[in-house]
Amino acid sequence: MYRRFTTFERTLHGIMILSFFTLAITGMILKFSYMGWAQLSASLLGGFPVTGTLHRMAALALIAIWLIHLGDVWKRKRASGKTWWEFVMDRRNSLAFTRQDFFDFVGSVRWFLGRGPRPQYGRWTYWEKFDYFAVLWGMFVIGISGWILWFPELFTLVLPGAAVNVATIIHSDEALLAVAFIFTVHFFNTHFRPDKFPMDPVIFTGRVSVEELKADKPREYDELMAAGDLEKNLFEPYPRNAQILFRVIGFTALFIGLTLIGLIIYSMLFGFR
């Protein structure tokens, strides 16, 4: 098995899952507070005040994760000895969009239409990079509007009162967009694609078979072989009991996410106010 994600990366992602799910569940309960399912869910959590407190605690956890990630990026940059431009635009490991992503996108469309072969994807695909920058964008937009809503008296010392109303709309709608994207597009790209269905456990185990790596990310495989880095990251599979536990956690997350999407769609169609 090839290790694609370190323990640190998997732990960070695991905490992010917990914080995002808490934000998504409590946020949608507050947004659709007039719906019966939201009122029942709030009562199970201890009431709407408790729901709001959980929402803010999860927000602080997500901000902490974001700051830890930025600190890790800074640490990796210093260890690389490269300039920021060289580090960010590194051909093998960069999460920045490059010309190759454009070619991969065009190649993917041709492949979908049966007009060409499957692109030779590298370490990060264009849709994975989009997911990454969507989170960064969301941290700024949802985060700043959330702070305004949390401390309106403080922010209205320098902002007009209407800023609170604007922040309410931005925070609510951007959060709804983020939840819908994660539980549909991200879930499909990560787990529901025919070659990954019903779940890709790599983010939990951090490991993928060499054959799967070669088939799924052939350009990454070739680069690893050329650099002699493949054998440095080969490990035995996790014990079967651990793999079962990871899958239970993953399927639970999938169930919660899809259920929440169903409740959101129902609320938007039949109960929106």
Protein backbone atom coordinates (compact mmCIF):
# COMPACT_ATOMS: atom_id res chain seq x y z
CA MET A 1 0.00 0.00 0.00
CA TYR A 2 1.26 3.48 -0.88
CA ARG A 3 0.79 6.14 1.80
CA ARG A 4 -0.82 9.19 0.21
CA PHE A 5 -1.67 11.00 3.47
CA THR A 6 0.31 11.24 6.69
CA THR A 7 -1.16 10.75 10.16
CA PHE A 8 -1.05 14.52 10.68
CA GLU A 9 -2.99 15.18 7.47
CA ARG A 10 -5.58 12.52 8.24
CA THR A 11 -6.02 13.77 11.80
CA LEU A 12 -6.49 17.33 10.56
CA HIS A 13 -9.05 16.16 8.01
CA GLY A 14 -10.84 14.07 10.63
CA ILE A 15 -11.21 17.04 12.98
CA MET A 16 -12.35 19.13 10.02
CA ILE A 17 -15.04 16.54 9.25
CA LEU A 18 -16.33 16.71 12.83
CA SER A 19 -16.32 20.51 12.92
CA PHE A 20 -17.90 20.86 9.47
CA PHE A 21 -20.64 18.35 10.23
CA THR A 22 -21.38 20.13 13.50
CA LEU A 23 -21.53 23.46 11.66
CA ALA A 24 -23.69 22.02 8.89
CA ILE A 25 -26.18 20.32 11.21
CA THR A 26 -26.52 23.17 13.71
CA GLY A 27 -26.45 25.82 10.98
CA MET A 28 -29.24 24.21 8.99
CA ILE A 29 -31.27 23.70 12.18
CA LEU A 30 -31.02 27.43 12.84
CA LYS A 31 -31.65 28.40 9.21
CA PHE A 32 -34.78 26.23 8.96
CA SER A 33 -35.86 26.71 12.58
CA TYR A 34 -39.53 26.89 11.51
CA MET A 35 -39.48 23.29 10.23
CA GLY A 36 -40.58 20.41 12.44
CA TRP A 37 -37.40 18.39 11.85
CA ALA A 38 -35.26 21.37 12.88
CA GLN A 39 -37.26 21.98 16.05
CA LEU A 40 -37.06 18.29 16.98
CA SER A 41 -33.30 18.23 16.30
CA ALA A 42 -32.77 21.37 18.38
CA SER A 43 -34.72 19.89 21.29
CA LEU A 44 -32.57 16.75 21.15
CA LEU A 45 -29.46 18.95 21.37
CA GLY A 46 -30.84 20.87 24.33
CA GLY A 47 -32.66 23.73 22.63
CA PHE A 48 -31.81 26.46 20.13
CA PRO A 49 -29.44 28.31 22.53
CA VAL A 50 -27.35 25.14 22.90
CA THR A 51 -27.47 24.65 19.12
CA GLY A 52 -26.05 28.13 18.64
CA THR A 53 -23.30 27.48 21.20
CA LEU A 54 -22.31 24.23 19.45
CA HIS A 55 -22.23 26.13 16.16
CA ARG A 56 -19.79 28.71 17.53
CA MET A 57 -17.58 26.06 19.16
CA ALA A 58 -17.34 24.16 15.86
CA ALA A 59 -16.51 27.43 14.09
CA LEU A 60 -13.60 28.04 16.48
CA ALA A 61 -12.36 24.48 15.88
CA LEU A 62 -12.47 24.98 12.11
CA ILE A 63 -10.59 28.28 12.36
CA ALA A 64 -7.95 26.56 14.53
CA ILE A 65 -7.55 23.80 11.94
CA TRP A 66 -7.19 26.41 9.20
CA LEU A 67 -4.47 28.23 11.15
CA ILE A 68 -2.66 24.96 11.90
CA HIS A 69 -2.75 24.10 8.19
CA LEU A 70 -1.32 27.50 7.25
CA GLY A 71 1.42 27.00 9.83
CA ASP A 72 2.21 23.59 8.33
CA VAL A 73 2.40 25.14 4.84
CA TRP A 74 4.87 27.74 6.16
CA LYS A 75 6.93 24.99 7.81
CA ARG A 76 7.05 22.93 4.61
CA LYS A 77 8.04 25.96 2.58
CA ARG A 78 10.97 26.71 4.89
CA ALA A 79 12.09 23.08 4.82
CA SER A 80 11.99 23.02 1.01
CA GLY A 81 14.45 25.89 0.66
CA LYS A 82 12.42 27.25 -2.25
CA THR A 83 10.98 30.68 -2.88
CA TRP A 84 7.25 31.09 -2.34
CA TRP A 85 6.67 31.06 -6.10
CA GLU A 86 8.72 27.88 -6.56
CA PHE A 87 7.02 26.23 -3.60
CA VAL A 88 3.45 27.15 -4.59
CA MET A 89 3.97 26.28 -8.26
CA ASP A 90 5.87 23.03 -7.66
CA ARG A 91 5.01 20.82 -10.63
CA ARG A 92 4.50 17.63 -8.64
CA ASN A 93 2.83 18.74 -5.43
CA SER A 94 1.29 22.15 -6.07
CA LEU A 95 -2.35 22.79 -5.20
CA ALA A 96 -2.31 25.91 -7.38
CA PHE A 97 -4.03 25.75 -10.76
CA THR A 98 -1.66 25.33 -13.70
CA ARG A 99 -1.87 24.88 -17.46
CA GLN A 100 -1.88 21.14 -16.91
CA ASP A 101 -5.18 21.42 -15.03
CA PHE A 102 -6.73 23.12 -18.06
CA PHE A 103 -5.49 20.31 -20.31
CA ASP A 104 -6.77 17.71 -17.82
CA PHE A 105 -10.17 19.40 -17.72
CA VAL A 106 -10.44 19.48 -21.50
CA GLY A 107 -9.23 15.89 -21.64
CA SER A 108 -11.82 14.86 -19.04
CA VAL A 109 -14.64 16.42 -21.06
CA ARG A 110 -13.45 14.60 -24.17
CA TRP A 111 -13.23 11.38 -22.16
CA PHE A 112 -16.76 11.84 -20.79
CA LEU A 113 -18.02 12.25 -24.36
CA GLY A 114 -16.09 9.23 -25.61
CA ARG A 115 -13.83 11.39 -27.78
CA GLY A 116 -10.51 10.58 -26.11
CA PRO A 117 -8.66 8.59 -23.44
CA ARG A 118 -8.81 9.22 -19.71
CA PRO A 119 -6.31 11.97 -18.74
CA GLN A 120 -3.13 10.97 -16.93
CA TYR A 121 -3.96 12.68 -13.62
CA GLY A 122 -1.19 13.73 -11.25
CA ARG A 123 -0.92 14.20 -7.49
CA TRP A 124 -3.86 16.59 -7.36
CA THR A 125 -6.67 16.73 -9.92
CA TYR A 126 -8.35 19.97 -10.95
CA TRP A 127 -11.50 19.11 -8.96
CA GLU A 128 -9.45 18.40 -5.83
CA LYS A 129 -7.77 21.78 -6.19
CA PHE A 130 -11.18 23.40 -6.61
CA ASP A 131 -12.32 21.75 -3.35
CA TYR A 132 -9.24 23.10 -1.59
CA PHE A 133 -9.71 26.69 -2.71
CA ALA A 134 -13.45 26.50 -2.07
CA VAL A 135 -12.62 25.85 1.59
CA LEU A 136 -10.18 28.78 1.68
CA TRP A 137 -12.78 31.05 0.08
CA GLY A 138 -15.44 29.84 2.49
CA MET A 139 -13.22 30.47 5.50
CA PHE A 140 -12.98 34.14 4.55
CA VAL A 141 -16.59 34.73 3.47
CA ILE A 142 -18.41 32.59 6.02
CA GLY A 143 -15.84 33.32 8.71
CA ILE A 144 -15.92 37.11 8.49
CA SER A 145 -19.72 37.26 8.23
CA GLY A 146 -19.95 34.85 11.16
CA TRP A 147 -17.75 37.07 13.34
CA ILE A 148 -19.99 40.04 12.52
CA LEU A 149 -23.06 38.06 13.58
CA TRP A 150 -21.34 36.82 16.75
CA PHE A 151 -20.18 40.29 17.86
CA PRO A 152 -22.55 42.79 16.18
CA GLU A 153 -22.09 45.46 18.87
CA LEU A 154 -18.33 45.45 18.34
CA PHE A 155 -18.38 45.53 14.54
CA THR A 156 -21.10 48.20 14.31
CA LEU A 157 -18.75 50.57 16.08
CA VAL A 158 -17.05 50.92 12.70
CA LEU A 159 -19.65 49.49 10.30
CA PRO A 160 -23.20 50.67 9.61
CA GLY A 161 -26.01 48.67 11.20
CA ALA A 162 -27.04 47.38 7.79
CA ALA A 163 -23.80 45.38 7.72
CA VAL A 164 -25.37 42.93 10.18
CA ASN A 165 -28.27 42.30 7.79
CA VAL A 166 -25.87 41.87 4.88
CA ALA A 167 -23.71 39.50 6.96
CA THR A 168 -26.81 37.45 7.83
CA ILE A 169 -27.66 36.93 4.16
CA ILE A 170 -24.08 36.19 3.12
CA HIS A 171 -23.45 33.81 6.02
CA SER A 172 -26.68 31.91 5.54
CA ASP A 173 -26.59 31.57 1.75
CA GLU A 174 -22.85 30.85 1.48
CA ALA A 175 -23.17 28.22 4.21
CA LEU A 176 -26.08 26.62 2.38
CA LEU A 177 -23.99 26.57 -0.80
CA ALA A 178 -21.04 25.01 1.04
CA VAL A 179 -23.19 22.29 2.61
CA ALA A 180 -24.87 21.51 -0.70
CA PHE A 181 -21.52 21.35 -2.52
CA ILE A 182 -19.80 19.12 0.04
CA PHE A 183 -22.68 16.66 0.34
CA THR A 184 -23.30 16.37 -3.41
CA VAL A 185 -20.37 17.33 -5.67
CA HIS A 186 -17.59 16.49 -3.20
CA PHE A 187 -19.28 13.25 -2.15
CA PHE A 188 -19.69 12.21 -5.78
CA ASN A 189 -16.12 13.08 -6.82
CA THR A 190 -14.68 11.35 -3.77
CA HIS A 191 -16.93 8.37 -3.13
CA PHE A 192 -19.69 7.88 -5.69
CA ARG A 193 -17.65 7.77 -8.88
CA PRO A 194 -17.98 4.33 -10.51
CA ASP A 195 -14.34 3.51 -9.78
CA LYS A 196 -14.67 4.51 -6.10
CA PHE A 197 -18.27 3.57 -5.23
CA PRO A 198 -19.54 3.17 -2.56
CA MET A 199 -16.67 4.82 -0.66
CA ASP A 200 -13.00 5.69 -1.01
CA PRO A 201 -11.42 5.12 2.45
CA VAL A 202 -8.02 6.64 1.57
CA ILE A 203 -8.57 9.80 3.65
CA PHE A 204 -9.19 7.58 6.70
CA THR A 205 -6.45 5.00 6.15
CA GLY A 206 -4.08 7.27 4.23
CA ARG A 207 -3.16 4.28 2.10
CA VAL A 208 -4.01 3.09 -1.40
CA SER A 209 -2.83 0.00 -3.25
CA VAL A 210 -0.04 0.56 -5.74
CA GLU A 211 -2.22 -0.85 -8.52
CA GLU A 212 -5.03 1.58 -7.70
CA LEU A 213 -2.56 4.47 -7.58
CA LYS A 214 -1.18 3.47 -10.96
CA ALA A 215 -4.68 3.31 -12.46
CA ASP A 216 -6.15 6.39 -10.77
CA LYS A 217 -3.16 8.77 -10.77
CA PRO A 218 -0.81 7.44 -13.48
CA ARG A 219 1.20 10.67 -13.78
CA GLU A 220 1.82 10.71 -10.03
CA TYR A 221 2.87 7.05 -10.19
CA ASP A 222 5.33 7.76 -13.00
CA GLU A 223 6.77 10.77 -11.14
CA LEU A 224 7.21 8.75 -7.96
CA MET A 225 8.96 5.98 -9.86
CA ALA A 226 11.22 8.45 -11.68
CA ALA A 227 12.20 10.16 -8.41
CA GLY A 228 12.61 6.86 -6.55
CA ASP A 229 10.07 7.95 -3.92
CA LEU A 230 7.53 5.15 -4.25
CA GLU A 231 9.29 2.53 -2.13
CA LYS A 232 9.93 5.08 0.63
CA ASN A 233 6.20 5.29 1.29
CA LEU A 234 5.13 1.64 1.06
CA PHE A 235 3.32 0.20 4.09
CA GLU A 236 1.31 -2.84 5.02
CA PRO A 237 -2.50 -2.49 4.93
CA TYR A 238 -4.31 -1.65 8.16
CA PRO A 239 -5.70 -4.64 10.11
CA ARG A 240 -9.14 -5.70 8.92
CA ASN A 241 -10.86 -4.52 12.12
CA ALA A 242 -9.40 -1.04 11.66
CA GLN A 243 -10.53 -0.97 8.03
CA ILE A 244 -14.06 -1.94 9.09
CA LEU A 245 -14.06 0.85 11.69
CA PHE A 246 -12.93 3.40 9.10
CA ARG A 247 -15.69 2.31 6.73
CA VAL A 248 -18.33 2.52 9.48
CA ILE A 249 -17.22 6.09 10.20
CA GLY A 250 -17.21 6.93 6.50
CA PHE A 251 -20.64 5.46 5.79
CA THR A 252 -22.05 7.21 8.86
CA ALA A 253 -20.77 10.53 7.51
CA LEU A 254 -22.25 9.78 4.08
CA PHE A 255 -25.63 8.90 5.63
CA ILE A 256 -25.74 12.06 7.73
CA GLY A 257 -24.73 14.26 4.80
CA LEU A 258 -27.26 12.80 2.36
CA THR A 259 -30.02 12.90 4.99
CA LEU A 260 -29.30 16.58 5.65
CA ILE A 261 -29.40 17.33 1.91
CA GLY A 262 -32.80 15.60 1.70
CA LEU A 263 -34.14 17.69 4.60
CA ILE A 264 -32.80 20.89 3.04
CA ILE A 265 -34.44 20.12 -0.32
CA TYR A 266 -37.72 19.27 1.43
CA SER A 267 -37.60 22.50 3.44
CA MET A 268 -36.79 24.63 0.39
CA LEU A 269 -39.61 23.11 -1.66
CA PHE A 270 -42.38 22.79 0.89
CA GLY A 271 -41.63 24.95 3.90
CA PHE A 272 -39.42 27.87 2.84
CA ARG A 273 -40.20 31.22 4.46
